[in-house]
PDB file of N, CA and C in Angstrom:
ATOM      1  N   VAL A   1     101.300  94.596  75.037  1.00  0.00           N
ATOM      2  CA  VAL A   1     101.470  93.973  76.529  1.00  0.00           C
ATOM      3  C   VAL A   1      99.767  94.671  76.756  1.00  0.00           C
ATOM      4  N   VAL A   2      99.617  95.952  75.981  1.00  0.00           N
ATOM      5  CA  VAL A   2      98.570  96.634  76.735  1.00  0.00           C
ATOM      6  C   VAL A   2      97.013  95.261  75.732  1.00  0.00           C
ATOM      7  N   GLU A   3      97.513  95.108  74.679  1.00  0.00           N
ATOM      8  CA  GLU A   3      96.658  94.110  74.199  1.00  0.00           C
ATOM      9  C   GLU A   3      96.172  92.818  75.044  1.00  0.00           C
ATOM     10  N   HIS A   4      97.036  92.260  75.608  1.00  0.00           N
ATOM     11  CA  HIS A   4      97.186  91.249  76.388  1.00  0.00           C
ATOM     12  C   HIS A   4      96.316  91.526  77.890  1.00  0.00           C
ATOM     13  N   LEU A   5      96.655  92.919  78.121  1.00  0.00           N
ATOM     14  CA  LEU A   5      96.288  93.461  79.284  1.00  0.00           C
ATOM     15  C   LEU A   5      94.289  93.329  78.916  1.00  0.00           C
ATOM     16  N   ARG A   6      94.238  93.643  77.890  1.00  0.00           N
ATOM     17  CA  ARG A   6      92.504  94.274  77.792  1.00  0.00           C
ATOM     18  C   ARG A   6      92.114  92.870  77.573  1.00  0.00           C
ATOM     19  N   ARG A   7      92.589  91.856  77.176  1.00  0.00           N
ATOM     20  CA  ARG A   7      92.009  90.740  76.966  1.00  0.00           C
ATOM     21  C   ARG A   7      91.500  89.713  77.926  1.00  0.00           C
ATOM     22  N   VAL A   8      92.770  89.848  79.258  1.00  0.00           N
ATOM     23  CA  VAL A   8      92.377  89.716  80.643  1.00  0.00           C
ATOM     24  C   VAL A   8      91.069  90.222  81.141  1.00  0.00           C
ATOM     25  N   MET A   9      89.929  89.469  81.397  1.00  0.00           N
ATOM     26  CA  MET A   9      88.763  89.785  81.938  1.00  0.00           C
ATOM     27  C   MET A   9      88.228  89.662  83.263  1.00  0.00           C
ATOM     28  N   THR A  10      89.514  88.901  84.248  1.00  0.00           N
ATOM     29  CA  THR A  10      89.360  89.014  85.692  1.00  0.00           C
ATOM     30  C   THR A  10      89.586  89.608  86.179  1.00  0.00           C
ATOM     31  N   PHE A  11      89.033  90.050  87.527  1.00  0.00           N
ATOM     32  CA  PHE A  11      89.244  91.325  88.400  1.00  0.00           C
ATOM     33  C   PHE A  11      90.053  90.538  89.563  1.00  0.00           C
ATOM     34  N   ASP A  12      91.245  89.657  89.569  1.00  0.00           N
ATOM     35  CA  ASP A  12      91.550  89.582  90.760  1.00  0.00           C
ATOM     36  C   ASP A  12      92.231  90.482  91.727  1.00  0.00           C
ATOM     37  N   PRO A  13      92.439  89.841  92.896  1.00  0.00           N
ATOM     38  CA  PRO A  13      92.580  91.109  94.140  1.00  0.00           C
ATOM     39  C   PRO A  13      94.287  91.509  94.055  1.00  0.00           C
ATOM     40  N   TYR A  14      94.486  90.766  93.394  1.00  0.00           N
ATOM     41  CA  TYR A  14      96.522  91.277  93.080  1.00  0.00           C
ATOM     42  C   TYR A  14      96.828  91.434  91.622  1.00  0.00           C
ATOM     43  N   LEU A  15      97.756  92.219  91.583  1.00  0.00           N
ATOM     44  CA  LEU A  15      97.998  92.478  90.041  1.00  0.00           C
ATOM     45  C   LEU A  15      98.806  91.262  89.238  1.00  0.00           C
ATOM     46  N   PHE A  16      99.339  90.259  90.222  1.00  0.00           N
ATOM     47  CA  PHE A  16     100.244  88.930  89.717  1.00  0.00           C
ATOM     48  C   PHE A  16      99.636  88.054  90.845  1.00  0.00           C
ATOM     49  N   PRO A  17      98.555  87.537  90.195  1.00  0.00           N
ATOM     50  CA  PRO A  17      97.618  86.284  91.372  1.00  0.00           C
ATOM     51  C   PRO A  17      98.833  85.416  91.362  1.00  0.00           C
ATOM     52  N   TRP A  18      98.858  84.977  92.393  1.00  0.00           N
ATOM     53  CA  TRP A  18      99.728  83.646  92.546  1.00  0.00           C
ATOM     54  C   TRP A  18      98.974  82.469  93.766  1.00  0.00           C
ATOM     55  N   ASN A  19      99.100  81.450  92.921  1.00  0.00           N
ATOM     56  CA  ASN A  19      98.323  80.041  93.412  1.00  0.00           C
ATOM     57  C   ASN A  19      99.035  79.335  94.200  1.00  0.00           C
ATOM     58  N   HIS A  20     100.045  80.016  94.914  1.00  0.00           N
ATOM     59  CA  HIS A  20     101.077  79.311  96.033  1.00  0.00           C
ATOM     60  C   HIS A  20     100.810  79.698  97.515  1.00  0.00           C
ATOM     61  N   ASP A  21     101.441  79.330  97.963  1.00  0.00           N
ATOM     62  CA  ASP A  21     101.708  79.514  99.376  1.00  0.00           C
ATOM     63  C   ASP A  21     102.347  81.331  99.539  1.00  0.00           C
ATOM     64  N   ARG A  22     101.648  82.053 100.160  1.00  0.00           N
ATOM     65  CA  ARG A  22     101.515  83.294 100.272  1.00  0.00           C
ATOM     66  C   ARG A  22     103.541  83.826 100.313  1.00  0.00           C
ATOM     67  N   ARG A  23     103.615  83.183 101.592  1.00  0.00           N
ATOM     68  CA  ARG A  23     105.069  83.494 101.634  1.00  0.00           C
ATOM     69  C   ARG A  23     106.232  83.040 101.045  1.00  0.00           C
ATOM     70  N   THR A  24     105.732  82.532  99.330  1.00  0.00           N
ATOM     71  CA  THR A  24     106.918  82.353  98.968  1.00  0.00           C
ATOM     72  C   THR A  24     106.675  83.141  97.566  1.00  0.00           C
ATOM     73  N   LEU A  25     106.154  83.969  97.897  1.00  0.00           N
ATOM     74  CA  LEU A  25     105.618  85.101  96.536  1.00  0.00           C
ATOM     75  C   LEU A  25     106.880  86.214  96.574  1.00  0.00           C
ATOM     76  N   ASP A  26     107.653  86.772  97.497  1.00  0.00           N
ATOM     77  CA  ASP A  26     108.572  87.694  97.740  1.00  0.00           C
ATOM     78  C   ASP A  26     109.852  86.852  97.482  1.00  0.00           C
ATOM     79  N   VAL A  27     109.810  85.662  98.053  1.00  0.00           N
ATOM     80  CA  VAL A  27     111.006  84.710  97.745  1.00  0.00           C
ATOM     81  C   VAL A  27     111.069  84.844  96.254  1.00  0.00           C
ATOM     82  N   GLU A  28     110.174  84.161  95.281  1.00  0.00           N
ATOM     83  CA  GLU A  28     110.108  84.172  94.056  1.00  0.00           C
ATOM     84  C   GLU A  28     110.596  85.135  93.331  1.00  0.00           C
ATOM     85  N   PHE A  29     110.009  86.163  93.235  1.00  0.00           N
ATOM     86  CA  PHE A  29     109.774  87.958  93.025  1.00  0.00           C
ATOM     87  C   PHE A  29     111.388  88.419  93.170  1.00  0.00           C
ATOM     88  N   HIS A  30     112.322  87.915  94.307  1.00  0.00           N
ATOM     89  CA  HIS A  30     113.628  88.630  94.377  1.00  0.00           C
ATOM     90  C   HIS A  30     114.320  87.466  94.088  1.00  0.00           C
ATOM     91  N   ARG A  31     114.252  86.408  93.503  1.00  0.00           N
ATOM     92  CA  ARG A  31     114.996  85.561  93.072  1.00  0.00           C
ATOM     93  C   ARG A  31     115.209  85.806  91.737  1.00  0.00           C
ATOM     94  N   ILE A  32     113.769  86.374  90.997  1.00  0.00           N
ATOM     95  CA  ILE A  32     113.873  86.538  89.548  1.00  0.00           C
ATOM     96  C   ILE A  32     114.350  88.155  89.496  1.00  0.00           C
ATOM     97  N   GLN A  33     114.446  88.814  90.473  1.00  0.00           N
ATOM     98  CA  GLN A  33     115.196  90.182  90.260  1.00  0.00           C
ATOM     99  C   GLN A  33     116.692  89.847  90.328  1.00  0.00           C
ATOM    100  N   ALA A  34     116.789  88.960  91.451  1.00  0.00           N
ATOM    101  CA  ALA A  34     118.152  88.906  91.291  1.00  0.00           C
ATOM    102  C   ALA A  34     118.804  88.151  90.149  1.00  0.00           C
ATOM    103  N   ALA A  35     118.316  87.414  89.681  1.00  0.00           N
ATOM    104  CA  ALA A  35     118.591  87.296  88.179  1.00  0.00           C
ATOM    105  C   ALA A  35     118.773  87.879  86.569  1.00  0.00           C
ATOM    106  N   ALA A  36     117.939  89.145  86.610  1.00  0.00           N
ATOM    107  CA  ALA A  36     117.694  90.104  85.875  1.00  0.00           C
ATOM    108  C   ALA A  36     118.692  90.914  85.697  1.00  0.00           C
ATOM    109  N   ARG A  37     119.293  91.124  84.540  1.00  0.00           N
ATOM    110  CA  ARG A  37     120.920  91.661  84.362  1.00  0.00           C
ATOM    111  C   ARG A  37     120.702  92.851  83.555  1.00  0.00           C
ATOM    112  N   PHE A  38     121.156  93.707  83.424  1.00  0.00           N
ATOM    113  CA  PHE A  38     121.489  94.258  82.289  1.00  0.00           C
ATOM    114  C   PHE A  38     123.121  94.806  81.813  1.00  0.00           C
ATOM    115  N   LYS A  39     123.076  95.447  80.343  1.00  0.00           N
ATOM    116  CA  LYS A  39     124.654  96.258  80.598  1.00  0.00           C
ATOM    117  C   LYS A  39     124.634  97.537  80.442  1.00  0.00           C
ATOM    118  N   ASP A  40     125.247  97.870  81.221  1.00  0.00           N
ATOM    119  CA  ASP A  40     125.546  99.659  81.261  1.00  0.00           C
ATOM    120  C   ASP A  40     126.138 100.091  80.265  1.00  0.00           C
ATOM    121  N   GLU A  41     126.329 101.454  79.669  1.00  0.00           N
ATOM    122  CA  GLU A  41     126.719 101.980  78.899  1.00  0.00           C
ATOM    123  C   GLU A  41     128.620 101.605  78.825  1.00  0.00           C
ATOM    124  N   LYS A  42     129.013 101.164  79.562  1.00  0.00           N
ATOM    125  CA  LYS A  42     130.587 100.773  79.305  1.00  0.00           C
ATOM    126  C   LYS A  42     130.204  99.077  79.261  1.00  0.00           C
ATOM    127  N   GLY A  43     129.434  98.332  78.580  1.00  0.00           N
ATOM    128  CA  GLY A  43     129.137  97.014  78.584  1.00  0.00           C
ATOM    129  C   GLY A  43     129.183  96.276  79.594  1.00  0.00           C
ATOM    130  N   GLU A  44     129.165  96.702  80.723  1.00  0.00           N
ATOM    131  CA  GLU A  44     129.748  95.729  82.021  1.00  0.00           C
ATOM    132  C   GLU A  44     128.124  95.425  82.659  1.00  0.00           C
ATOM    133  N   GLU A  45     128.046  93.827  83.143  1.00  0.00           N
ATOM    134  CA  GLU A  45     126.468  93.541  83.385  1.00  0.00           C
ATOM    135  C   GLU A  45     126.270  93.708  84.611  1.00  0.00           C
ATOM    136  N   GLN A  46     125.089  94.619  85.270  1.00  0.00           N
ATOM    137  CA  GLN A  46     124.839  95.002  86.559  1.00  0.00           C
ATOM    138  C   GLN A  46     123.550  94.706  86.437  1.00  0.00           C
ATOM    139  N   SER A  47     123.168  94.598  88.139  1.00  0.00           N
ATOM    140  CA  SER A  47     121.864  93.940  88.233  1.00  0.00           C
ATOM    141  C   SER A  47     120.867  95.262  88.449  1.00  0.00           C
ATOM    142  N   ILE A  48     119.874  94.885  88.618  1.00  0.00           N
ATOM    143  CA  ILE A  48     118.665  95.964  88.865  1.00  0.00           C
ATOM    144  C   ILE A  48     118.191  96.666  90.303  1.00  0.00           C
ATOM    145  N   TYR A  49     119.056  95.955  91.351  1.00  0.00           N
ATOM    146  CA  TYR A  49     119.230  96.387  92.690  1.00  0.00           C
ATOM    147  C   TYR A  49     119.006  98.075  92.502  1.00  0.00           C
ATOM    148  N   LEU A  50     118.375  98.456  93.287  1.00  0.00           N
ATOM    149  CA  LEU A  50     118.000 100.023  93.339  1.00  0.00           C
ATOM    150  C   LEU A  50     119.496 100.301  94.578  1.00  0.00           C
ATOM    151  N   PRO A  51     119.468 101.794  94.168  1.00  0.00           N
ATOM    152  CA  PRO A  51     120.847 101.945  95.480  1.00  0.00           C
ATOM    153  C   PRO A  51     120.540 102.603  96.733  1.00  0.00           C
ATOM    154  N   CYS A  52     121.041 102.445  97.730  1.00  0.00           N
ATOM    155  CA  CYS A  52     120.153 102.731  98.938  1.00  0.00           C
ATOM    156  C   CYS A  52     121.067 103.913  99.681  1.00  0.00           C
ATOM    157  N   ARG A  53     120.355 104.544  99.859  1.00  0.00           N
ATOM    158  CA  ARG A  53     120.862 106.044 100.758  1.00  0.00           C
ATOM    159  C   ARG A  53     120.489 106.261 102.114  1.00  0.00           C
ATOM    160  N   GLU A  54     119.947 104.990 102.864  1.00  0.00           N
ATOM    161  CA  GLU A  54     120.430 104.997 104.091  1.00  0.00           C
ATOM    162  C   GLU A  54     121.508 104.236 104.588  1.00  0.00           C
ATOM    163  N   LYS A  55     121.684 105.225 106.083  1.00  0.00           N
ATOM    164  CA  LYS A  55     123.308 104.450 106.590  1.00  0.00           C
ATOM    165  C   LYS A  55     123.180 103.290 107.730  1.00  0.00           C
ATOM    166  N   HIS A  56     123.240 102.138 107.149  1.00  0.00           N
ATOM    167  CA  HIS A  56     122.695 101.043 107.987  1.00  0.00           C
ATOM    168  C   HIS A  56     123.448 100.002 107.495  1.00  0.00           C
ATOM    169  N   GLU A  57     123.319  98.881 108.099  1.00  0.00           N
ATOM    170  CA  GLU A  57     123.997  97.712 107.669  1.00  0.00           C
ATOM    171  C   GLU A  57     123.108  97.291 106.297  1.00  0.00           C
ATOM    172  N   HIS A  58     123.608  97.220 105.179  1.00  0.00           N
ATOM    173  CA  HIS A  58     122.778  96.765 104.059  1.00  0.00           C
ATOM    174  C   HIS A  58     122.837  95.234 103.840  1.00  0.00           C
ATOM    175  N   THR A  59     121.561  94.959 103.713  1.00  0.00           N
ATOM    176  CA  THR A  59     121.277  93.713 103.168  1.00  0.00           C
ATOM    177  C   THR A  59     120.625  93.216 101.512  1.00  0.00           C
ATOM    178  N   ASP A  60     120.565  92.407 100.855  1.00  0.00           N
ATOM    179  CA  ASP A  60     120.089  92.253  99.801  1.00  0.00           C
ATOM    180  C   ASP A  60     118.561  93.061  99.692  1.00  0.00           C
ATOM    181  N   ALA A  61     117.965  92.784 100.839  1.00  0.00           N
ATOM    182  CA  ALA A  61     116.484  93.614 100.722  1.00  0.00           C
ATOM    183  C   ALA A  61     116.414  94.763 100.484  1.00  0.00           C
ATOM    184  N   CYS A  62     117.191  95.702 100.944  1.00  0.00           N
ATOM    185  CA  CYS A  62     116.944  97.001 101.096  1.00  0.00           C
ATOM    186  C   CYS A  62     117.466  97.501  99.539  1.00  0.00           C
ATOM    187  N   HIS A  63     117.947  96.499  98.366  1.00  0.00           N
ATOM    188  CA  HIS A  63     118.235  97.049  96.963  1.00  0.00           C
ATOM    189  C   HIS A  63     117.342  96.617  96.386  1.00  0.00           C
ATOM    190  N   ARG A  64     115.994  96.007  96.673  1.00  0.00           N
ATOM    191  CA  ARG A  64     114.994  95.577  96.011  1.00  0.00           C
ATOM    192  C   ARG A  64     113.887  96.092  95.304  1.00  0.00           C
ATOM    193  N   TYR A  65     113.511  96.202  94.272  1.00  0.00           N
ATOM    194  CA  TYR A  65     112.178  96.596  94.162  1.00  0.00           C
ATOM    195  C   TYR A  65     111.347  95.830  94.958  1.00  0.00           C
ATOM    196  N   GLY A  66     109.848  96.491  95.065  1.00  0.00           N
ATOM    197  CA  GLY A  66     108.575  95.934  95.623  1.00  0.00           C
ATOM    198  C   GLY A  66     107.907  95.709  94.357  1.00  0.00           C
ATOM    199  N   PHE A  67     106.733  95.100  94.706  1.00  0.00           N
ATOM    200  CA  PHE A  67     105.667  94.554  93.855  1.00  0.00           C
ATOM    201  C   PHE A  67     104.838  96.134  93.210  1.00  0.00           C
ATOM    202  N   HIS A  68     104.630  96.884  94.627  1.00  0.00           N
ATOM    203  CA  HIS A  68     104.053  98.324  94.365  1.00  0.00           C
ATOM    204  C   HIS A  68     105.260  99.233  93.549  1.00  0.00           C
ATOM    205  N   ASP A  69     106.638  99.292  93.682  1.00  0.00           N
ATOM    206  CA  ASP A  69     106.968  99.694  92.638  1.00  0.00           C
ATOM    207  C   ASP A  69     107.357  99.686  91.427  1.00  0.00           C
ATOM    208  N   LEU A  70     106.642  98.528  90.809  1.00  0.00           N
ATOM    209  CA  LEU A  70     106.396  98.221  89.645  1.00  0.00           C
ATOM    210  C   LEU A  70     104.892  98.794  89.276  1.00  0.00           C
ATOM    211  N   ARG A  71     104.363  98.650  90.175  1.00  0.00           N
ATOM    212  CA  ARG A  71     102.871  99.335  89.470  1.00  0.00           C
ATOM    213  C   ARG A  71     103.259 101.004  89.727  1.00  0.00           C
ATOM    214  N   ARG A  72     103.958 101.599  90.661  1.00  0.00           N
ATOM    215  CA  ARG A  72     104.243 103.145  89.980  1.00  0.00           C
ATOM    216  C   ARG A  72     104.560 102.977  88.908  1.00  0.00           C
ATOM    217  N   ALA A  73     105.737 102.571  89.058  1.00  0.00           N
ATOM    218  CA  ALA A  73     106.490 102.861  87.273  1.00  0.00           C
ATOM    219  C   ALA A  73     105.670 102.429  86.125  1.00  0.00           C
ATOM    220  N   PHE A  74     104.456 101.505  86.082  1.00  0.00           N
ATOM    221  CA  PHE A  74     103.862 101.329  84.914  1.00  0.00           C
ATOM    222  C   PHE A  74     102.726 102.382  84.904  1.00  0.00           C
ATOM    223  N   ALA A  75     102.100 103.143  85.925  1.00  0.00           N
ATOM    224  CA  ALA A  75     101.527 104.248  85.939  1.00  0.00           C
ATOM    225  C   ALA A  75     102.378 106.012  85.762  1.00  0.00           C
ATOM    226  N   THR A  76     103.684 105.754  86.154  1.00  0.00           N
ATOM    227  CA  THR A  76     104.538 106.617  85.440  1.00  0.00           C
ATOM    228  C   THR A  76     104.769 106.860  84.114  1.00  0.00           C
ATOM    229  N   ARG A  77     105.004 105.344  83.608  1.00  0.00           N
ATOM    230  CA  ARG A  77     105.562 105.447  82.214  1.00  0.00           C
ATOM    231  C   ARG A  77     104.419 105.277  81.237  1.00  0.00           C
ATOM    232  N   ASN A  78     102.873 105.025  81.749  1.00  0.00           N
ATOM    233  CA  ASN A  78     102.184 105.432  80.563  1.00  0.00           C
ATOM    234  C   ASN A  78     100.947 106.510  81.083  1.00  0.00           C
ATOM    235  N   GLU A  79     101.588 107.569  81.726  1.00  0.00           N
ATOM    236  CA  GLU A  79     100.743 109.118  81.865  1.00  0.00           C
ATOM    237  C   GLU A  79     100.096 109.370  81.000  1.00  0.00           C
ATOM    238  N   SER A  80     100.199 109.368  79.570  1.00  0.00           N
ATOM    239  CA  SER A  80      99.623 109.774  78.407  1.00  0.00           C
ATOM    240  C   SER A  80      98.249 109.167  78.276  1.00  0.00           C
ATOM    241  N   LEU A  81      98.214 107.853  78.810  1.00  0.00           N
ATOM    242  CA  LEU A  81      96.739 107.139  78.806  1.00  0.00           C
ATOM    243  C   LEU A  81      95.874 108.102  79.502  1.00  0.00           C
ATOM    244  N   SER A  82      94.776 108.099  79.119  1.00  0.00           N
ATOM    245  CA  SER A  82      93.620 108.562  79.974  1.00  0.00           C
ATOM    246  C   SER A  82      93.527 108.054  81.301  1.00  0.00           C
ATOM    247  N   VAL A  83      92.672 108.445  82.315  1.00  0.00           N
ATOM    248  CA  VAL A  83      92.585 108.405  83.546  1.00  0.00           C
ATOM    249  C   VAL A  83      91.680 107.174  83.330  1.00  0.00           C
ATOM    250  N   ASN A  84      90.456 107.010  82.586  1.00  0.00           N
ATOM    251  CA  ASN A  84      89.889 105.767  82.557  1.00  0.00           C
ATOM    252  C   ASN A  84      90.583 104.655  81.823  1.00  0.00           C
ATOM    253  N   ASP A  85      91.265 104.902  80.919  1.00  0.00           N
ATOM    254  CA  ASP A  85      92.147 103.403  80.204  1.00  0.00           C
ATOM    255  C   ASP A  85      93.525 102.982  81.723  1.00  0.00           C
ATOM    256  N   LEU A  86      93.775 104.159  81.692  1.00  0.00           N
ATOM    257  CA  LEU A  86      95.253 103.687  83.300  1.00  0.00           C
ATOM    258  C   LEU A  86      94.125 102.929  84.145  1.00  0.00           C
ATOM    259  N   GLN A  87      93.309 103.530  84.925  1.00  0.00           N
ATOM    260  CA  GLN A  87      92.400 102.795  85.698  1.00  0.00           C
ATOM    261  C   GLN A  87      92.352 101.162  85.437  1.00  0.00           C
ATOM    262  N   GLY A  88      91.667 101.232  84.486  1.00  0.00           N
ATOM    263  CA  GLY A  88      91.426  99.753  83.788  1.00  0.00           C
ATOM    264  C   GLY A  88      92.515  98.827  83.919  1.00  0.00           C
ATOM    265  N   LEU A  89      93.988  99.280  82.959  1.00  0.00           N
ATOM    266  CA  LEU A  89      94.888  98.475  83.144  1.00  0.00           C
ATOM    267  C   LEU A  89      95.065  98.102  84.860  1.00  0.00           C
ATOM    268  N   MET A  90      95.010  99.210  85.459  1.00  0.00           N
ATOM    269  CA  MET A  90      95.598  99.236  86.904  1.00  0.00           C
ATOM    270  C   MET A  90      94.928  98.426  87.436  1.00  0.00           C
ATOM    271  N   ARG A  91      93.245  97.987  87.090  1.00  0.00           N
ATOM    272  CA  ARG A  91      92.652  97.528  87.602  1.00  0.00           C
ATOM    273  C   ARG A  91      92.047  97.987  89.301  1.00  0.00           C
ATOM    274  N   HIS A  92      92.187  99.340  89.203  1.00  0.00           N
ATOM    275  CA  HIS A  92      91.574 100.276  89.902  1.00  0.00           C
ATOM    276  C   HIS A  92      89.973 100.212  90.126  1.00  0.00           C
ATOM    277  N   LYS A  93      89.410 100.015  91.544  1.00  0.00           N
ATOM    278  CA  LYS A  93      87.927  99.901  91.293  1.00  0.00           C
ATOM    279  C   LYS A  93      87.599 101.782  91.514  1.00  0.00           C
ATOM    280  N   SER A  94      88.153 102.195  91.930  1.00  0.00           N
ATOM    281  CA  SER A  94      88.341 103.810  92.066  1.00  0.00           C
ATOM    282  C   SER A  94      88.939 104.616  91.390  1.00  0.00           C
ATOM    283  N   TYR A  95      88.205 105.539  90.929  1.00  0.00           N
ATOM    284  CA  TYR A  95      88.910 106.611  90.112  1.00  0.00           C
ATOM    285  C   TYR A  95      90.230 107.476  90.899  1.00  0.00           C
ATOM    286  N   GLN A  96      89.613 107.679  92.221  1.00  0.00           N
ATOM    287  CA  GLN A  96      90.404 108.136  93.550  1.00  0.00           C
ATOM    288  C   GLN A  96      91.838 107.524  93.517  1.00  0.00           C
ATOM    289  N   THR A  97      91.543 106.246  93.041  1.00  0.00           N
ATOM    290  CA  THR A  97      93.216 105.588  93.628  1.00  0.00           C
ATOM    291  C   THR A  97      93.986 105.721  92.237  1.00  0.00           C
ATOM    292  N   THR A  98      93.839 105.833  91.578  1.00  0.00           N
ATOM    293  CA  THR A  98      94.079 105.918  89.600  1.00  0.00           C
ATOM    294  C   THR A  98      95.155 107.219  89.891  1.00  0.00           C
ATOM    295  N   GLN A  99      93.915 108.484  90.177  1.00  0.00           N
ATOM    296  CA  GLN A  99      94.452 109.922  90.724  1.00  0.00           C
ATOM    297  C   GLN A  99      95.404 110.111  91.537  1.00  0.00           C
ATOM    298  N   ARG A 100      95.557 109.185  92.609  1.00  0.00           N
ATOM    299  CA  ARG A 100      96.946 109.849  93.216  1.00  0.00           C
ATOM    300  C   ARG A 100      97.889 109.230  92.508  1.00  0.00           C
ATOM    301  N   TYR A 101      97.912 108.276  92.205  1.00  0.00           N
ATOM    302  CA  TYR A 101      99.051 107.580  90.993  1.00  0.00           C
ATOM    303  C   TYR A 101      99.457 109.142  89.716  1.00  0.00           C
ATOM    304  N   ILE A 102      98.618 109.771  89.567  1.00  0.00           N
ATOM    305  CA  ILE A 102      98.795 110.744  88.350  1.00  0.00           C
ATOM    306  C   ILE A 102      99.125 111.909  89.392  1.00  0.00           C
ATOM    307  N   ASN A 103      98.668 112.138  90.373  1.00  0.00           N
ATOM    308  CA  ASN A 103      99.239 113.187  91.151  1.00  0.00           C
ATOM    309  C   ASN A 103     100.334 113.118  91.655  1.00  0.00           C
ATOM    310  N   MET A 104     100.766 111.984  91.900  1.00  0.00           N
ATOM    311  CA  MET A 104     102.453 111.639  92.640  1.00  0.00           C
ATOM    312  C   MET A 104     103.511 111.596  91.357  1.00  0.00           C
ATOM    313  N   THR A 105     103.046 111.479  90.026  1.00  0.00           N
ATOM    314  CA  THR A 105     103.490 111.640  89.163  1.00  0.00           C
ATOM    315  C   THR A 105     104.024 112.781  88.475  1.00  0.00           C
ATOM    316  N   ASN A 106     102.877 113.745  88.793  1.00  0.00           N
ATOM    317  CA  ASN A 106     103.013 115.614  88.317  1.00  0.00           C
ATOM    318  C   ASN A 106     104.053 116.140  89.578  1.00  0.00           C
ATOM    319  N   ARG A 107     103.628 115.663  90.821  1.00  0.00           N
ATOM    320  CA  ARG A 107     104.598 116.169  91.637  1.00  0.00           C
ATOM    321  C   ARG A 107     105.638 116.074  91.461  1.00  0.00           C
ATOM    322  N   LEU A 108     106.461 115.117  91.422  1.00  0.00           N
ATOM    323  CA  LEU A 108     107.788 114.156  90.949  1.00  0.00           C
ATOM    324  C   LEU A 108     108.002 115.211  89.305  1.00  0.00           C
ATOM    325  N   ARG A 109     107.320 115.226  88.673  1.00  0.00           N
ATOM    326  CA  ARG A 109     107.745 115.722  87.299  1.00  0.00           C
ATOM    327  C   ARG A 109     108.150 117.294  87.614  1.00  0.00           C
ATOM    328  N   GLU A 110     107.134 118.096  88.478  1.00  0.00           N
ATOM    329  CA  GLU A 110     107.062 119.108  88.837  1.00  0.00           C
ATOM    330  C   GLU A 110     108.860 119.703  89.447  1.00  0.00           C
ATOM    331  N   ALA A 111     108.793 118.653  90.660  1.00  0.00           N
ATOM    332  CA  ALA A 111     109.924 118.459  91.756  1.00  0.00           C
ATOM    333  C   ALA A 111     111.137 118.909  90.678  1.00  0.00           C
ATOM    334  N   VAL A 112     110.956 117.536  89.852  1.00  0.00           N
ATOM    335  CA  VAL A 112     112.681 117.657  88.523  1.00  0.00           C
ATOM    336  C   VAL A 112     112.818 118.863  87.889  1.00  0.00           C
ATOM    337  N   ASP A 113     111.350 119.059  87.407  1.00  0.00           N
ATOM    338  CA  ASP A 113     111.790 120.369  86.301  1.00  0.00           C
ATOM    339  C   ASP A 113     112.269 122.023  87.151  1.00  0.00           C
ATOM    340  N   SER A 114     112.005 121.849  88.390  1.00  0.00           N
ATOM    341  CA  SER A 114     112.509 122.937  89.266  1.00  0.00           C
ATOM    342  C   SER A 114     113.755 122.637  89.560  1.00  0.00           C
ATOM    343  N   ILE A 115     114.455 121.783  89.486  1.00  0.00           N
ATOM    344  CA  ILE A 115     115.912 121.241  90.171  1.00  0.00           C
ATOM    345  C   ILE A 115     116.953 122.299  89.287  1.00  0.00           C
ATOM    346  N   LYS A 116     117.606 122.965  89.934  1.00  0.00           N
ATOM    347  CA  LYS A 116     118.590 124.318  89.465  1.00  0.00           C
ATOM    348  C   LYS A 116     119.643 123.171  89.330  1.00  0.00           C
ATOM    349  N   VAL A 117     120.226 123.194  87.922  1.00  0.00           N
ATOM    350  CA  VAL A 117     121.518 122.536  87.972  1.00  0.00           C
ATOM    351  C   VAL A 117     122.693 123.345  87.142  1.00  0.00           C
ATOM    352  N   PRO A 118     123.729 123.846  87.762  1.00  0.00           N
ATOM    353  CA  PRO A 118     124.587 125.098  87.599  1.00  0.00           C
ATOM    354  C   PRO A 118     124.741 124.618  85.494  1.00  0.00           C
ATOM    355  N   ASP A 119     125.297 125.738  85.260  1.00  0.00           N
ATOM    356  CA  ASP A 119     125.461 126.098  83.608  1.00  0.00           C
ATOM    357  C   ASP A 119     126.534 124.570  83.270  1.00  0.00           C
ATOM    358  N   VAL A 120     127.589 125.319  84.374  1.00  0.00           N
ATOM    359  CA  VAL A 120     128.678 123.885  83.879  1.00  0.00           C
ATOM    360  C   VAL A 120     128.167 122.807  83.825  1.00  0.00           C
ATOM    361  N   PHE A 121     127.376 122.413  84.819  1.00  0.00           N
ATOM    362  CA  PHE A 121     127.243 120.769  85.106  1.00  0.00           C
ATOM    363  C   PHE A 121     126.113 120.407  83.433  1.00  0.00           C
ATOM    364  N   ALA A 122     125.355 121.478  83.387  1.00  0.00           N
ATOM    365  CA  ALA A 122     124.225 120.923  82.319  1.00  0.00           C
ATOM    366  C   ALA A 122     124.990 120.941  81.177  1.00  0.00           C
ATOM    367  N   ALA A 123     126.021 121.619  80.685  1.00  0.00           N
ATOM    368  CA  ALA A 123     126.868 121.568  79.313  1.00  0.00           C
ATOM    369  C   ALA A 123     127.269 120.164  78.914  1.00  0.00           C
ATOM    370  N   ARG A 124     127.805 119.696  80.312  1.00  0.00           N
ATOM    371  CA  ARG A 124     128.610 118.583  80.362  1.00  0.00           C
ATOM    372  C   ARG A 124     127.823 117.492  80.082  1.00  0.00           C
ATOM    373  N   VAL A 125     126.514 117.554  80.655  1.00  0.00           N
ATOM    374  CA  VAL A 125     125.400 116.398  80.285  1.00  0.00           C
ATOM    375  C   VAL A 125     124.879 116.288  78.744  1.00  0.00           C
ATOM    376  N   ALA A 126     124.963 117.328  78.201  1.00  0.00           N
ATOM    377  CA  ALA A 126     124.416 118.033  77.018  1.00  0.00           C
ATOM    378  C   ALA A 126     125.684 117.114  75.998  1.00  0.00           C
ATOM    379  N   ASN A 127     126.874 117.500  76.357  1.00  0.00           N
ATOM    380  CA  ASN A 127     127.989 116.810  75.296  1.00  0.00           C
ATOM    381  C   ASN A 127     127.927 115.496  75.308  1.00  0.00           C
TER     382      ASN A 127
END
């Protein structure tokens, strides 16, 4: 994937260029997401919908990833890259934009590392 991205030389204003009516982009993206499935640890098929913590009447839209969620996930999963490499792959014109992604990742990691889990629960997870 990285090699493919390095070969892409154009700087389209969008991460995923879309040559059709802009209004159809979300429809198609959500259709693809709804079709995507994975098997959980029990071997049962699951969708990739997000859990919804809000107390409201749920719709399909509140459980879907958006395009920017993909960008954040990409930046987080590739945090070991240099800032310059990550900036190039994400096609940010500004170093500060890439730095915001990195700072958010660092803040989240620090928050996760500071979570206190009682020993009894930690032992269950380890086994």
